[in-house]
Amino acid sequence: MGYQQELTEAARRETGLDHFGNDSFREGFERLVRSVEDESDLNAIGQEAMRSLIVGLLAQRLQVEDWYARNPEIDRDNTRMRRLQWQSI
């Protein structure tokens, strides 16, 4: 299992969620992980800190996507707000 998959699986285990939403974050995530693997010169503590940070960010994404899926009215509210903003201009 690759490091990227290990990190995403850790976030899934931590949250009990599995839907990351669209893949718009993947390119940046892959670049970050590749940079950490290839370019950083972290000691063991730094490696664990970076792993925890990345897993935490992935877990937040899972939680946001879950919240958004459970509250679809958010999209309608944002559309209504944009209309109101344009009307006030």
Protein backbone atom coordinates (compact mmCIF):
# COMPACT_ATOMS: atom_id res chain seq x y z
CA MET A 1 0.00 0.00 0.00
CA GLY A 2 1.35 3.43 -0.95
CA TYR A 3 1.81 6.26 1.50
CA GLN A 4 -1.07 8.27 0.00
CA GLN A 5 -3.44 5.36 0.40
CA GLU A 6 -2.17 4.74 3.92
CA LEU A 7 -2.94 8.35 4.84
CA THR A 8 -6.44 8.30 3.34
CA GLU A 9 -7.19 4.98 5.04
CA ALA A 10 -6.04 6.40 8.38
CA ALA A 11 -8.41 9.36 7.94
CA ARG A 12 -11.26 6.99 7.08
CA ARG A 13 -10.58 4.89 10.18
CA GLU A 14 -10.37 7.99 12.36
CA THR A 15 -13.73 9.36 11.19
CA GLY A 16 -15.65 6.27 10.14
CA LEU A 17 -16.40 8.14 6.89
CA ASP A 18 -15.28 7.30 3.38
CA HIS A 19 -16.50 9.96 0.92
CA PHE A 20 -13.88 12.62 0.11
CA GLY A 21 -16.11 14.41 -2.37
CA ASN A 22 -14.80 15.38 -5.78
CA ASP A 23 -11.16 14.81 -6.64
CA SER A 24 -10.21 18.50 -6.82
CA PHE A 25 -7.88 18.07 -3.83
CA ARG A 26 -6.03 15.04 -5.20
CA GLU A 27 -3.37 16.79 -7.27
CA GLY A 28 -2.29 19.03 -4.39
CA PHE A 29 -2.45 16.09 -1.97
CA GLU A 30 -0.26 13.97 -4.26
CA ARG A 31 2.27 16.79 -4.63
CA LEU A 32 2.39 17.33 -0.87
CA VAL A 33 2.92 13.65 -0.13
CA ARG A 34 5.54 13.33 -2.87
CA SER A 35 7.35 16.36 -1.50
CA VAL A 36 7.29 15.00 2.05
CA GLU A 37 8.58 11.64 0.82
CA ASP A 38 11.23 12.90 -1.60
CA GLU A 39 12.35 16.34 -0.47
CA SER A 40 11.89 16.67 3.25
CA ASP A 41 14.62 15.60 5.60
CA LEU A 42 12.42 15.01 8.63
CA ASN A 43 13.53 13.01 11.62
CA ALA A 44 11.16 10.41 13.10
CA ILE A 45 9.31 13.00 15.20
CA GLY A 46 8.92 15.32 12.21
CA GLN A 47 7.66 12.46 10.04
CA GLU A 48 5.04 11.52 12.62
CA ALA A 49 4.00 15.16 13.08
CA MET A 50 3.59 15.58 9.31
CA ARG A 51 1.65 12.33 9.06
CA SER A 52 -0.68 13.45 11.87
CA LEU A 53 -1.18 16.84 10.22
CA ILE A 54 -2.05 15.33 6.83
CA VAL A 55 -4.36 12.70 8.32
CA GLY A 56 -6.08 15.44 10.32
CA LEU A 57 -6.63 17.55 7.21
CA LEU A 58 -8.01 14.55 5.31
CA ALA A 59 -10.30 13.75 8.26
CA GLN A 60 -11.60 17.33 8.19
CA ARG A 61 -12.35 17.00 4.49
CA LEU A 62 -14.30 13.79 5.16
CA GLN A 63 -16.27 15.53 7.93
CA VAL A 64 -17.06 18.56 5.78
CA GLU A 65 -18.21 16.37 2.88
CA ASP A 66 -20.37 14.33 5.26
CA TRP A 67 -21.89 17.47 6.79
CA TYR A 68 -22.54 18.93 3.36
CA ALA A 69 -24.18 15.68 2.18
CA ARG A 70 -26.43 15.64 5.26
CA ASN A 71 -27.38 19.31 4.81
CA PRO A 72 -28.15 19.84 1.10
CA GLU A 73 -30.07 23.01 1.90
CA ILE A 74 -26.70 24.75 2.16
CA ASP A 75 -26.48 24.81 -1.61
CA ARG A 76 -29.94 26.35 -1.93
CA ASP A 77 -29.11 28.93 0.75
CA ASN A 78 -25.90 29.94 -1.02
CA THR A 79 -27.74 30.35 -4.30
CA ARG A 80 -30.37 32.50 -2.59
CA MET A 81 -27.67 34.63 -0.94
CA ARG A 82 -25.90 35.22 -4.27
CA ARG A 83 -29.19 36.37 -5.81
CA LEU A 84 -29.80 38.74 -2.93
CA GLN A 85 -26.29 40.14 -3.20
CA TRP A 86 -26.70 40.80 -6.91
CA GLN A 87 -30.07 42.45 -6.37
CA SER A 88 -28.60 44.85 -3.84
CA ILE A 89 -25.90 46.09 -6.25
